Amino acid sequence: MKKTGKLILTILFMLMVATSLIACGKKNTDNNTNGSTDKGVIEGDKSKGSDNIVNVGVTDSLSSVNPLLQDGTEVVKYATSLEFLPLMELNKDLEFVSQLAKDITTEDNLTFTIHLDENAVWSDGEPVTSEDVVFTYLLWTSPEIGSVGMSMEKIVGTGDDGYAEQGATSVSGVVAVDEKTVQITTKSEMALHSFKNIFGRYILTLPEHVLGDVPRGDLLSYDWFNAPTVVNGPYFIKDVDLNHYVTLEANDNFFLGKPKIKNLNIKVVTASQLLAGLRSGEIDLVQQTTGAILQEDYDSVRDLNGITVYDGTPVTNQSIFFNTERVTDVRIRQAILHGIDRQTILKDLMKGQGEVVEGFLASAGPFYDDVTPIAYNPDKVKELLSEAEADGWDKSTQYEFYVNSGDTTFVQIASFIAAQLGELGLNIQINTVDISSLLSVAGTGEFDLLAVQYTYTPVDPYTDISWLLSEGGWTRYYKEEVAEALDMTQKLTDIDEIIKQYRIVTDYTQQEVPMISAYIISAIGAVNNRLKNAIPDVYGTFINVHEWEVVK
């Protein structure tokens, strides 16, 4: 690295240390996009230390608590899943375990049978039935509601947009076989693990007997979801302020067991407030994908008395996406890849907590194939930029780089990246916005580069990758060979053959650079020792929330 590069790294490291000291020593003075202040965490509230109240600290605000408005963020998924159970969930060992469904099976990867738990009931005592599941899919595919995402276009009876006919009262591919059995038919083969991940984990069953008469067009803005009267999960939401908190109260009739914790709060704070909250006892638990403990606070959190720290499974990918319709010259994208010193970032700024990989897959996943990452190479950057300039590229071009303001660590790292690239002749303008705004920008495509922590489900990377690497995905990138390889992952059963298909995807990602993995994060979670049976991890943290218990 050049001396100027070392100087940038030194200044950035000093800034990160200074930020940590300020956060520990006095009130937070950050530009706080979620509206929280350190005062609320450090000074405490009535819930601090209560025997039957538990506070979970998160660092992203919520876009909604309406299950029909799932935005793909972990904080929204978990908040809504506490009220309305998914059919299945992943545990910390990356195994699918039953929730509302006992199992999901298929014989041909086209017709999938959902076997509901015979004991599943709503909080008002009504049984959870196959009609509730069918009703939920009807809502998701209803153009009157206009929910987006969740791969509804894969189900028979929907159009390419994922919607059924206007006013439809059924979807031909979703059928109630009996009171506790549902069959869903897809248009093309889908691997069972993909079906369980998409439809099992993210589609949350809603009560037909409560919502069936509500006009569909009213459901997205229906205030009932802010304090639902009937749930099938362990908790009711009682109060919500999307930028600050979600207050939940136990569902005493939860069919898997009455929760031992009466009140559960989700508290939205800044990353710099998590250490103070854990120290003061106002935050009981921080989960790895919803609460981003600052990298420079890791050692301090580990040293806290009465706190147990858990290293999360290293699968969360700090991804940088290109809008390839705006950054059209592959040489510019390649230059940016060669111009990011990822190993130095990992070693010096991330303290070695993670790994550098190429593309989407982390080494902890079953489909990973060891691909040597592109090394930092300033000479290659200059060569690529010189070629592009000779063909008409304007070296004064400014590239808009959007970053999540809630991820303070990466905001600082992004500044380092921009400074490095600036030395090499690339003009990078960083724009920090909250997570909701970031996702909005990603959807509209009004960015050149965009960074976000993205957890590609290790047992089902297909779902996210196939969407991201498509004309309608964030990258606006499509390659026939990539699409064919991804399709093959849904048809093959031999894991070595599946790995070969994902290797094709990784190779094209490395060559044509629709995205860059800055690094894989080995994030930490933390829990107060007064809270028993709660183990934070990337997956499975809340599966047994009804068994959490406060002990003196």
Protein backbone atom coordinates (compact mmCIF):
# COMPACT_ATOMS: atom_id res chain seq x y z
CA MET A 1 0.00 0.00 0.00
CA LYS A 2 1.25 3.50 -0.73
CA LYS A 3 2.16 5.80 2.16
CA THR A 4 -0.93 7.90 1.45
CA GLY A 5 -3.05 4.77 1.69
CA LYS A 6 -1.52 3.95 5.06
CA LEU A 7 -2.19 7.49 6.20
CA ILE A 8 -5.87 7.17 5.26
CA LEU A 9 -6.11 3.87 7.14
CA THR A 10 -4.39 5.34 10.21
CA ILE A 11 -6.69 8.36 10.28
CA LEU A 12 -9.76 6.19 9.84
CA PHE A 13 -8.65 3.83 12.63
CA MET A 14 -8.10 6.80 14.96
CA LEU A 15 -11.55 8.10 14.04
CA MET A 16 -13.16 4.74 14.83
CA VAL A 17 -11.41 4.60 18.23
CA ALA A 18 -12.41 8.17 18.99
CA THR A 19 -16.01 7.43 18.07
CA SER A 20 -15.99 4.45 20.43
CA LEU A 21 -14.59 6.53 23.30
CA ILE A 22 -17.15 9.25 22.77
CA ALA A 23 -19.98 6.70 22.71
CA CYS A 24 -18.75 5.17 25.97
CA GLY A 25 -18.00 8.44 27.75
CA LYS A 26 -20.88 10.80 27.03
CA LYS A 27 -24.15 11.26 25.26
CA ASN A 28 -24.28 10.24 21.65
CA THR A 29 -23.72 13.08 19.21
CA ASP A 30 -24.08 11.10 16.01
CA ASN A 31 -26.47 12.06 13.27
CA ASN A 32 -29.17 9.78 14.64
CA THR A 33 -31.51 8.80 11.87
CA ASN A 34 -33.80 6.69 14.04
CA GLY A 35 -34.48 9.44 16.52
CA SER A 36 -33.13 7.63 19.59
CA THR A 37 -30.75 9.24 22.06
CA ASP A 38 -28.27 7.79 24.48
CA LYS A 39 -30.33 9.35 27.28
CA GLY A 40 -33.06 6.76 26.78
CA VAL A 41 -30.60 3.91 27.10
CA ILE A 42 -28.16 5.13 29.72
CA GLU A 43 -30.59 6.74 32.16
CA GLY A 44 -32.96 3.80 32.01
CA ASP A 45 -36.72 3.43 32.17
CA LYS A 46 -39.27 1.59 34.23
CA SER A 47 -38.52 -1.66 32.44
CA LYS A 48 -34.88 -1.81 33.55
CA GLY A 49 -34.17 -4.88 35.64
CA SER A 50 -37.80 -5.96 35.83
CA ASP A 51 -38.31 -9.65 36.51
CA ASN A 52 -40.85 -10.11 33.74
CA ILE A 53 -39.74 -7.64 31.06
CA VAL A 54 -37.03 -8.29 28.49
CA ASN A 55 -35.57 -5.69 26.12
CA VAL A 56 -34.08 -6.64 22.74
CA GLY A 57 -31.83 -4.00 21.21
CA VAL A 58 -31.92 -3.48 17.42
CA THR A 59 -30.19 -0.89 15.25
CA ASP A 60 -32.56 -0.60 12.30
CA SER A 61 -35.94 1.05 12.42
CA LEU A 62 -38.92 -0.96 11.19
CA SER A 63 -40.74 -0.15 7.98
CA SER A 64 -43.94 -1.86 9.16
CA VAL A 65 -45.34 -4.56 11.44
CA ASN A 66 -47.87 -5.67 8.83
CA PRO A 67 -46.97 -9.22 7.67
CA LEU A 68 -48.20 -8.33 4.17
CA LEU A 69 -45.49 -5.67 3.97
CA GLN A 70 -42.45 -7.86 4.56
CA ASP A 71 -39.45 -5.92 3.21
CA GLY A 72 -36.83 -8.64 3.61
CA THR A 73 -35.17 -7.05 6.64
CA GLU A 74 -34.49 -9.30 9.60
CA VAL A 75 -35.96 -6.87 12.14
CA VAL A 76 -39.35 -6.78 10.39
CA LYS A 77 -39.38 -10.55 9.89
CA TYR A 78 -38.69 -11.32 13.53
CA ALA A 79 -41.03 -8.66 14.92
CA THR A 80 -43.95 -9.94 12.86
CA SER A 81 -43.06 -13.62 13.42
CA LEU A 82 -43.47 -13.14 17.16
CA GLU A 83 -47.19 -12.65 16.50
CA PHE A 84 -47.78 -14.77 13.42
CA LEU A 85 -45.60 -17.87 13.25
CA PRO A 86 -43.89 -18.95 10.06
CA LEU A 87 -44.58 -22.48 8.92
CA MET A 88 -40.95 -23.40 9.54
CA GLU A 89 -37.78 -21.71 10.74
CA LEU A 90 -34.04 -22.30 10.60
CA ASN A 91 -32.22 -23.12 13.81
CA LYS A 92 -28.63 -22.19 14.62
CA ASP A 93 -27.43 -25.41 12.96
CA LEU A 94 -29.10 -24.35 9.68
CA GLU A 95 -31.77 -27.04 9.99
CA PHE A 96 -35.42 -26.38 9.20
CA VAL A 97 -37.57 -26.98 12.28
CA SER A 98 -41.33 -26.97 12.65
CA GLN A 99 -43.28 -23.93 13.78
CA LEU A 100 -46.89 -23.66 12.58
CA ALA A 101 -46.32 -26.67 10.31
CA LYS A 102 -45.08 -30.05 11.43
CA ASP A 103 -43.42 -30.59 8.07
CA ILE A 104 -43.41 -29.72 4.36
CA THR A 105 -42.85 -32.52 1.87
CA THR A 106 -42.63 -33.07 -1.88
CA GLU A 107 -42.10 -36.00 -4.21
CA ASP A 108 -41.47 -34.14 -7.44
CA ASN A 109 -40.31 -30.60 -6.50
CA LEU A 110 -43.52 -29.29 -8.05
CA THR A 111 -46.28 -30.17 -5.59
CA PHE A 112 -45.53 -29.35 -1.97
CA THR A 113 -47.63 -30.60 0.93
CA ILE A 114 -47.85 -28.52 4.10
CA HIS A 115 -48.79 -30.49 7.22
CA LEU A 116 -50.03 -28.08 9.89
CA ASP A 117 -49.50 -28.81 13.56
CA GLU A 118 -52.65 -30.53 14.81
CA ASN A 119 -52.47 -28.51 18.03
CA ALA A 120 -52.03 -25.09 16.40
CA VAL A 121 -54.69 -22.63 17.56
CA TRP A 122 -55.29 -18.92 17.46
CA SER A 123 -55.17 -16.93 20.68
CA ASP A 124 -58.99 -16.84 20.75
CA GLY A 125 -59.14 -20.64 20.79
CA GLU A 126 -60.08 -21.13 17.13
CA PRO A 127 -57.97 -23.78 15.35
CA VAL A 128 -55.40 -22.74 12.77
CA THR A 129 -56.61 -24.45 9.61
CA SER A 130 -55.64 -24.95 6.01
CA GLU A 131 -58.25 -22.30 5.12
CA ASP A 132 -56.13 -19.74 6.97
CA VAL A 133 -53.11 -20.69 4.86
CA VAL A 134 -55.12 -20.55 1.63
CA PHE A 135 -56.56 -17.18 2.68
CA THR A 136 -53.07 -15.81 3.36
CA TYR A 137 -51.83 -16.81 -0.09
CA LEU A 138 -54.93 -15.28 -1.63
CA LEU A 139 -54.04 -11.99 0.06
CA TRP A 140 -50.43 -12.15 -1.11
CA THR A 141 -51.50 -12.76 -4.71
CA SER A 142 -54.27 -10.16 -4.69
CA PRO A 143 -53.67 -7.19 -7.04
CA GLU A 144 -56.11 -5.19 -4.90
CA ILE A 145 -53.62 -5.41 -2.04
CA GLY A 146 -50.49 -5.08 -4.15
CA SER A 147 -48.00 -6.88 -1.91
CA VAL A 148 -44.70 -7.43 -3.68
CA GLY A 149 -41.96 -10.00 -3.50
CA MET A 150 -41.98 -13.42 -1.85
CA SER A 151 -41.86 -15.24 -5.22
CA MET A 152 -45.63 -15.56 -5.67
CA GLU A 153 -45.06 -15.65 -9.44
CA LYS A 154 -43.70 -19.18 -9.00
CA ILE A 155 -47.10 -20.52 -7.93
CA VAL A 156 -49.58 -21.97 -10.44
CA GLY A 157 -52.53 -19.62 -10.87
CA THR A 158 -50.54 -16.38 -10.76
CA GLY A 159 -49.16 -14.24 -13.55
CA ASP A 160 -45.56 -13.24 -14.10
CA ASP A 161 -46.18 -10.36 -11.69
CA GLY A 162 -47.16 -12.77 -8.92
CA TYR A 163 -50.82 -11.74 -8.89
CA ALA A 164 -53.99 -13.75 -9.48
CA GLU A 165 -56.94 -12.35 -11.40
CA GLN A 166 -58.61 -9.22 -10.06
CA GLY A 167 -61.24 -10.25 -7.52
CA ALA A 168 -60.12 -13.90 -7.47
CA THR A 169 -61.55 -15.98 -4.66
CA SER A 170 -58.98 -18.75 -5.05
CA VAL A 171 -55.57 -19.53 -6.50
CA SER A 172 -55.50 -22.78 -8.44
CA GLY A 173 -52.03 -23.69 -7.16
CA VAL A 174 -52.99 -23.37 -3.48
CA VAL A 175 -55.51 -25.98 -2.30
CA ALA A 176 -56.82 -27.06 1.12
CA VAL A 177 -56.73 -30.87 1.12
CA ASP A 178 -58.26 -31.16 4.58
CA GLU A 179 -58.44 -29.08 7.75
CA LYS A 180 -54.72 -29.38 8.46
CA THR A 181 -53.21 -30.06 5.02
CA VAL A 182 -52.43 -27.67 2.15
CA GLN A 183 -50.95 -28.42 -1.26
CA ILE A 184 -49.08 -25.77 -3.25
CA THR A 185 -48.08 -26.37 -6.86
CA THR A 186 -45.29 -24.42 -8.53
CA LYS A 187 -44.88 -23.67 -12.23
CA SER A 188 -41.40 -25.17 -12.40
CA GLU A 189 -39.21 -27.34 -10.23
CA MET A 190 -38.18 -25.85 -6.92
CA ALA A 191 -35.79 -27.47 -4.46
CA LEU A 192 -37.48 -28.36 -1.18
CA HIS A 193 -35.02 -26.24 0.80
CA SER A 194 -35.90 -23.25 -1.37
CA PHE A 195 -39.62 -23.79 -0.87
CA LYS A 196 -39.16 -24.09 2.89
CA ASN A 197 -37.05 -20.95 2.97
CA ILE A 198 -39.29 -18.72 0.85
CA PHE A 199 -42.77 -19.92 1.69
CA GLY A 200 -42.01 -21.66 4.95
CA ARG A 201 -40.08 -18.86 6.66
CA TYR A 202 -41.50 -15.65 5.23
CA ILE A 203 -45.22 -16.16 4.57
CA LEU A 204 -46.92 -15.67 7.93
CA THR A 205 -50.37 -17.21 8.23
CA LEU A 206 -53.18 -14.75 9.04
CA PRO A 207 -56.61 -15.43 10.64
CA GLU A 208 -59.29 -15.78 7.97
CA HIS A 209 -62.07 -15.66 10.57
CA VAL A 210 -60.89 -12.20 11.68
CA LEU A 211 -59.70 -10.57 8.44
CA GLY A 212 -61.86 -12.35 5.87
CA ASP A 213 -64.47 -9.58 5.69
CA VAL A 214 -62.00 -6.68 5.55
CA PRO A 215 -61.87 -5.13 2.05
CA ARG A 216 -58.61 -6.25 0.50
CA GLY A 217 -57.67 -2.76 -0.56
CA ASP A 218 -57.69 -1.69 3.10
CA LEU A 219 -55.39 -4.38 4.45
CA LEU A 220 -51.99 -2.81 3.75
CA SER A 221 -52.91 0.21 5.85
CA TYR A 222 -55.15 -1.65 8.29
CA ASP A 223 -54.43 -0.32 11.78
CA TRP A 224 -55.38 -3.67 13.33
CA PHE A 225 -51.87 -4.94 12.58
CA ASN A 226 -50.37 -2.37 14.97
CA ALA A 227 -52.21 -4.08 17.85
CA PRO A 228 -53.78 -7.32 16.60
CA THR A 229 -56.45 -8.92 18.74
CA VAL A 230 -55.85 -12.48 17.49
CA VAL A 231 -52.45 -14.11 16.91
CA ASN A 232 -51.02 -17.60 16.64
CA GLY A 233 -47.53 -16.74 17.88
CA PRO A 234 -46.15 -16.25 21.39
CA TYR A 235 -46.77 -12.49 21.61
CA PHE A 236 -49.22 -9.71 20.78
CA ILE A 237 -47.98 -6.29 19.69
CA LYS A 238 -49.52 -3.79 22.10
CA ASP A 239 -47.83 -0.57 20.98
CA VAL A 240 -45.46 0.43 18.21
CA ASP A 241 -43.41 3.40 17.10
CA LEU A 242 -41.54 2.19 14.04
CA ASN A 243 -38.54 4.43 14.69
CA HIS A 244 -38.23 3.70 18.39
CA TYR A 245 -39.87 0.58 19.80
CA VAL A 246 -42.28 -2.34 19.59
CA THR A 247 -44.00 -3.35 22.83
CA LEU A 248 -45.22 -6.94 23.03
CA GLU A 249 -47.28 -8.87 25.57
CA ALA A 250 -47.42 -12.63 26.03
CA ASN A 251 -50.10 -14.75 24.38
CA ASP A 252 -51.06 -16.95 27.32
CA ASN A 253 -52.82 -19.34 24.94
CA PHE A 254 -49.77 -19.96 22.72
CA PHE A 255 -50.11 -23.56 21.60
CA LEU A 256 -46.42 -24.38 22.06
CA GLY A 257 -46.47 -23.15 25.63
CA LYS A 258 -47.33 -20.04 27.63
CA PRO A 259 -44.38 -17.60 27.43
CA LYS A 260 -42.49 -17.21 30.69
CA ILE A 261 -41.68 -13.57 29.89
CA LYS A 262 -44.80 -11.43 30.18
CA ASN A 263 -43.52 -8.37 28.32
CA LEU A 264 -40.99 -8.21 25.50
CA ASN A 265 -39.75 -4.92 24.07
CA ILE A 266 -37.87 -4.32 20.83
CA LYS A 267 -35.89 -1.11 21.33
CA VAL A 268 -34.49 0.75 18.31
CA VAL A 269 -31.17 2.39 19.20
CA THR A 270 -28.01 3.49 17.43
CA ALA A 271 -25.13 1.03 17.16
CA SER A 272 -23.08 3.16 19.56
CA GLN A 273 -25.79 2.77 22.23
CA LEU A 274 -25.72 -1.03 22.40
CA LEU A 275 -22.64 -1.22 24.61
CA ALA A 276 -24.10 1.34 27.04
CA GLY A 277 -27.45 -0.47 27.08
CA LEU A 278 -25.86 -3.84 27.79
CA ARG A 279 -23.72 -2.31 30.51
CA SER A 280 -26.63 -0.53 32.21
CA GLY A 281 -28.93 -3.55 31.97
CA GLU A 282 -31.50 -1.76 29.84
CA ILE A 283 -30.77 -4.07 26.92
CA ASP A 284 -30.96 -7.78 27.68
CA LEU A 285 -30.24 -9.26 24.28
CA VAL A 286 -28.62 -8.26 20.98
CA GLN A 287 -29.04 -10.63 18.05
CA GLN A 288 -26.38 -10.65 15.32
CA THR A 289 -28.45 -9.63 12.28
CA THR A 290 -30.77 -7.10 13.93
CA GLY A 291 -28.35 -5.38 16.30
CA ALA A 292 -25.03 -4.27 14.81
CA ILE A 293 -22.63 -3.93 17.72
CA LEU A 294 -19.82 -1.61 16.67
CA GLN A 295 -16.67 -3.46 15.69
CA GLU A 296 -14.60 -1.25 18.00
CA ASP A 297 -16.91 -2.18 20.89
CA TYR A 298 -16.43 -5.94 20.59
CA ASP A 299 -13.71 -6.20 23.23
CA SER A 300 -15.61 -3.92 25.62
CA VAL A 301 -18.77 -6.01 25.26
CA ARG A 302 -16.79 -9.19 25.87
CA ASP A 303 -15.41 -7.64 29.08
CA LEU A 304 -18.82 -6.72 30.53
CA ASN A 305 -19.75 -8.42 33.78
CA GLY A 306 -22.95 -10.43 33.63
CA ILE A 307 -23.02 -10.57 29.83
CA THR A 308 -22.37 -13.66 27.69
CA VAL A 309 -21.15 -13.07 24.14
CA TYR A 310 -21.88 -15.43 21.26
CA ASP A 311 -19.99 -15.43 17.98
CA GLY A 312 -22.54 -15.73 15.21
CA THR A 313 -22.23 -18.12 12.30
CA PRO A 314 -20.18 -16.13 9.73
CA VAL A 315 -22.69 -15.90 6.90
CA THR A 316 -23.72 -12.24 6.71
CA ASN A 317 -22.26 -10.67 3.58
CA GLN A 318 -21.32 -6.97 3.50
CA SER A 319 -22.43 -6.65 -0.10
CA ILE A 320 -21.80 -3.80 -2.52
CA PHE A 321 -24.23 -3.83 -5.45
CA PHE A 322 -23.84 -2.03 -8.76
CA ASN A 323 -26.73 -0.78 -10.81
CA THR A 324 -25.30 -2.14 -14.05
CA GLU A 325 -27.71 -0.01 -16.09
CA ARG A 326 -25.93 3.08 -14.70
CA VAL A 327 -22.40 1.74 -14.32
CA THR A 328 -22.46 0.08 -17.71
CA ASP A 329 -18.72 -0.28 -18.43
CA VAL A 330 -17.57 -3.55 -16.89
CA ARG A 331 -14.03 -2.13 -16.69
CA ILE A 332 -15.18 0.51 -14.20
CA ARG A 333 -16.81 -2.16 -12.05
CA GLN A 334 -13.66 -4.29 -12.32
CA ALA A 335 -11.52 -1.29 -11.39
CA ILE A 336 -13.55 -0.72 -8.24
CA LEU A 337 -13.19 -4.40 -7.30
CA HIS A 338 -9.41 -4.27 -7.80
CA GLY A 339 -9.26 -0.94 -5.95
CA ILE A 340 -10.76 -2.12 -2.64
CA ASP A 341 -8.17 -3.48 -0.23
CA ARG A 342 -10.47 -6.04 1.35
CA GLN A 343 -7.79 -7.95 3.23
CA THR A 344 -6.57 -4.77 4.95
CA ILE A 345 -10.14 -3.81 5.82
CA LEU A 346 -10.74 -7.24 7.33
CA LYS A 347 -7.44 -7.39 9.20
CA ASP A 348 -7.12 -3.83 10.49
CA LEU A 349 -10.66 -2.44 10.61
CA MET A 350 -12.66 -5.60 11.27
CA LYS A 351 -9.96 -7.07 13.56
CA GLY A 352 -10.04 -10.29 11.56
CA GLN A 353 -13.67 -11.00 12.52
CA GLY A 354 -14.80 -12.62 9.27
CA GLU A 355 -13.43 -13.60 5.89
CA VAL A 356 -13.02 -12.32 2.35
CA VAL A 357 -14.82 -14.27 -0.36
CA GLU A 358 -15.80 -13.69 -3.94
CA GLY A 359 -19.48 -13.35 -4.71
CA PHE A 360 -22.40 -14.36 -2.55
CA LEU A 361 -21.44 -17.54 -0.71
CA ALA A 362 -19.74 -17.75 2.69
CA SER A 363 -17.51 -20.68 3.56
CA ALA A 364 -19.94 -21.76 6.30
CA GLY A 365 -22.56 -22.68 3.70
CA PRO A 366 -22.92 -26.12 2.11
CA PHE A 367 -22.54 -24.86 -1.48
CA TYR A 368 -19.33 -22.86 -1.05
CA ASP A 369 -16.46 -23.50 -3.46
CA ASP A 370 -13.10 -21.96 -2.63
CA VAL A 371 -12.46 -19.19 -5.16
CA THR A 372 -9.40 -17.00 -4.75
CA PRO A 373 -10.62 -13.43 -4.16
CA ILE A 374 -9.35 -10.65 -6.41
CA ALA A 375 -6.45 -8.95 -4.64
CA TYR A 376 -5.97 -5.20 -4.19
CA ASN A 377 -4.09 -4.05 -7.30
CA PRO A 378 -3.78 -0.29 -7.90
CA ASP A 379 -1.81 -0.81 -11.11
CA LYS A 380 -4.64 -2.91 -12.55
CA VAL A 381 -7.10 -0.18 -11.57
CA LYS A 382 -5.13 2.44 -13.49
CA GLU A 383 -4.85 0.12 -16.49
CA LEU A 384 -8.59 -0.49 -16.59
CA LEU A 385 -9.43 3.19 -16.18
CA SER A 386 -6.97 4.14 -18.89
CA GLU A 387 -8.61 1.68 -21.30
CA ALA A 388 -12.06 2.99 -20.43
CA GLU A 389 -10.96 6.62 -20.87
CA ALA A 390 -9.52 5.81 -24.28
CA ASP A 391 -12.99 4.55 -25.25
CA GLY A 392 -14.74 7.71 -24.06
CA TRP A 393 -15.18 7.29 -20.29
CA ASP A 394 -15.21 10.64 -18.53
CA LYS A 395 -12.83 10.52 -15.57
CA SER A 396 -14.79 13.30 -13.84
CA THR A 397 -17.81 11.00 -13.52
CA GLN A 398 -19.13 10.92 -9.96
CA TYR A 399 -20.56 7.67 -8.66
CA GLU A 400 -23.29 7.77 -5.99
CA PHE A 401 -22.59 5.22 -3.25
CA TYR A 402 -25.49 4.62 -0.85
CA VAL A 403 -24.74 3.21 2.62
CA ASN A 404 -26.91 2.28 5.60
CA SER A 405 -26.46 4.97 8.26
CA GLY A 406 -27.41 2.44 10.95
CA ASP A 407 -24.27 0.42 10.18
CA THR A 408 -21.76 2.85 11.68
CA THR A 409 -18.82 0.51 11.16
CA PHE A 410 -19.37 0.25 7.42
CA VAL A 411 -20.06 3.98 7.08
CA GLN A 412 -16.49 4.49 8.27
CA ILE A 413 -15.16 1.70 6.06
CA ALA A 414 -17.00 3.17 3.07
CA SER A 415 -15.11 6.42 3.67
CA PHE A 416 -11.86 4.46 3.55
CA ILE A 417 -12.94 2.75 0.32
CA ALA A 418 -13.92 6.06 -1.28
CA ALA A 419 -10.60 7.62 -0.29
CA GLN A 420 -8.62 4.68 -1.71
CA LEU A 421 -10.56 4.76 -4.97
CA GLY A 422 -10.19 8.54 -5.11
CA GLU A 423 -6.41 8.17 -5.06
CA LEU A 424 -6.72 5.90 -8.08
CA GLY A 425 -8.91 8.25 -10.12
CA LEU A 426 -12.47 7.28 -9.20
CA ASN A 427 -14.85 9.89 -7.79
CA ILE A 428 -17.10 8.22 -5.21
CA GLN A 429 -19.79 10.24 -3.41
CA ILE A 430 -21.08 8.56 -0.24
CA ASN A 431 -24.73 9.05 0.73
CA THR A 432 -25.76 7.68 4.14
CA VAL A 433 -29.46 6.97 4.61
CA ASP A 434 -31.55 4.87 7.01
CA ILE A 435 -32.36 1.30 6.09
CA SER A 436 -35.89 2.04 4.84
CA SER A 437 -34.61 4.77 2.52
CA LEU A 438 -31.77 2.51 1.39
CA LEU A 439 -34.19 -0.23 0.38
CA SER A 440 -36.34 2.33 -1.42
CA VAL A 441 -33.32 3.57 -3.39
CA ALA A 442 -32.39 -0.03 -4.19
CA GLY A 443 -35.88 -0.66 -5.53
CA THR A 444 -35.98 2.43 -7.73
CA GLY A 445 -32.45 1.88 -9.01
CA GLU A 446 -31.43 5.48 -8.31
CA PHE A 447 -27.89 4.54 -7.28
CA ASP A 448 -24.57 3.59 -8.80
CA LEU A 449 -23.31 1.57 -5.86
CA LEU A 450 -25.24 0.46 -2.79
CA ALA A 451 -24.00 -1.37 0.30
CA VAL A 452 -26.01 -3.41 2.77
CA GLN A 453 -25.44 -6.32 5.12
CA TYR A 454 -27.19 -9.18 3.34
CA THR A 455 -27.65 -12.61 4.89
CA TYR A 456 -27.98 -15.06 2.00
CA THR A 457 -29.56 -18.11 3.57
CA PRO A 458 -26.74 -20.69 3.38
CA VAL A 459 -29.09 -23.59 2.66
CA ASP A 460 -30.97 -21.58 0.02
CA PRO A 461 -28.82 -18.91 -1.64
CA TYR A 462 -30.80 -19.42 -4.85
CA THR A 463 -33.76 -17.35 -3.73
CA ASP A 464 -31.84 -14.12 -3.21
CA ILE A 465 -29.21 -14.55 -5.91
CA SER A 466 -31.69 -15.39 -8.67
CA TRP A 467 -33.57 -12.18 -7.91
CA LEU A 468 -30.55 -9.93 -7.40
CA LEU A 469 -28.92 -11.12 -10.62
CA SER A 470 -31.91 -10.38 -12.82
CA GLU A 471 -33.19 -7.49 -14.88
CA GLY A 472 -35.71 -6.69 -12.16
CA GLY A 473 -33.29 -7.13 -9.26
CA TRP A 474 -31.14 -4.50 -7.61
CA THR A 475 -28.20 -5.09 -9.99
CA ARG A 476 -30.30 -4.98 -13.21
CA TYR A 477 -27.85 -7.62 -14.40
CA TYR A 478 -28.86 -10.63 -16.45
CA LYS A 479 -26.69 -13.35 -17.95
CA GLU A 480 -28.26 -16.38 -19.55
CA GLU A 481 -25.49 -18.68 -18.33
CA VAL A 482 -26.00 -17.46 -14.77
CA ALA A 483 -29.77 -17.93 -14.95
CA GLU A 484 -29.35 -21.46 -16.32
CA ALA A 485 -26.88 -22.40 -13.59
CA LEU A 486 -29.22 -21.09 -10.91
CA ASP A 487 -32.14 -23.00 -12.40
CA MET A 488 -30.07 -26.18 -12.30
CA THR A 489 -29.54 -25.78 -8.55
CA GLN A 490 -33.27 -26.36 -8.16
CA LYS A 491 -33.28 -29.58 -10.17
CA LEU A 492 -30.13 -31.33 -8.99
CA THR A 493 -29.88 -33.40 -5.82
CA ASP A 494 -26.17 -34.22 -5.77
CA ILE A 495 -24.49 -31.56 -3.64
CA ASP A 496 -21.23 -31.64 -5.64
CA GLU A 497 -23.16 -30.95 -8.83
CA ILE A 498 -25.03 -28.11 -7.13
CA ILE A 499 -21.70 -26.64 -5.99
CA LYS A 500 -20.51 -26.67 -9.62
CA GLN A 501 -23.54 -24.62 -10.67
CA TYR A 502 -22.96 -22.05 -7.94
CA ARG A 503 -19.31 -21.91 -9.02
CA ILE A 504 -20.47 -20.75 -12.45
CA VAL A 505 -22.40 -17.94 -10.76
CA THR A 506 -19.37 -16.98 -8.66
CA ASP A 507 -17.07 -16.93 -11.68
CA TYR A 508 -19.35 -14.58 -13.62
CA THR A 509 -19.77 -12.41 -10.55
CA GLN A 510 -16.00 -12.12 -10.27
CA GLN A 511 -15.55 -11.40 -13.99
CA GLU A 512 -18.44 -9.02 -14.67
CA VAL A 513 -18.82 -7.59 -11.16
CA PRO A 514 -22.54 -6.92 -10.66
CA MET A 515 -21.73 -7.06 -6.93
CA ILE A 516 -18.74 -7.17 -4.61
CA SER A 517 -18.49 -8.92 -1.27
CA ALA A 518 -16.52 -6.49 0.89
CA TYR A 519 -16.25 -9.18 3.56
CA ILE A 520 -18.23 -11.83 5.41
CA ILE A 521 -19.11 -10.69 8.91
CA SER A 522 -18.56 -12.80 11.97
CA ALA A 523 -20.84 -10.66 14.14
CA ILE A 524 -21.31 -11.07 17.85
CA GLY A 525 -24.51 -11.29 19.83
CA ALA A 526 -24.85 -10.74 23.54
CA VAL A 527 -27.26 -11.67 26.30
CA ASN A 528 -27.63 -10.66 29.94
CA ASN A 529 -26.99 -13.62 32.22
CA ARG A 530 -30.29 -12.98 34.02
CA LEU A 531 -32.02 -14.20 30.85
CA LYS A 532 -31.95 -17.98 30.55
CA ASN A 533 -32.61 -20.21 27.51
CA ALA A 534 -31.86 -17.33 25.11
CA ILE A 535 -28.90 -17.84 22.77
CA PRO A 536 -28.42 -15.18 20.09
CA ASP A 537 -27.26 -16.46 16.72
CA VAL A 538 -27.77 -15.56 13.07
CA TYR A 539 -30.60 -18.09 12.88
CA GLY A 540 -32.90 -19.60 15.47
CA THR A 541 -32.67 -17.01 18.24
CA PHE A 542 -36.42 -16.56 18.69
CA ILE A 543 -37.61 -20.13 18.03
CA ASN A 544 -37.85 -20.83 21.75
CA VAL A 545 -38.74 -17.30 22.90
CA HIS A 546 -41.64 -18.73 24.91
CA GLU A 547 -39.08 -20.64 26.98
CA TRP A 548 -36.93 -17.61 27.80
CA GLU A 549 -36.89 -16.95 31.51
CA VAL A 550 -35.58 -14.26 33.84
CA VAL A 551 -33.80 -15.61 36.89
CA LYS A 552 -32.50 -13.68 39.87
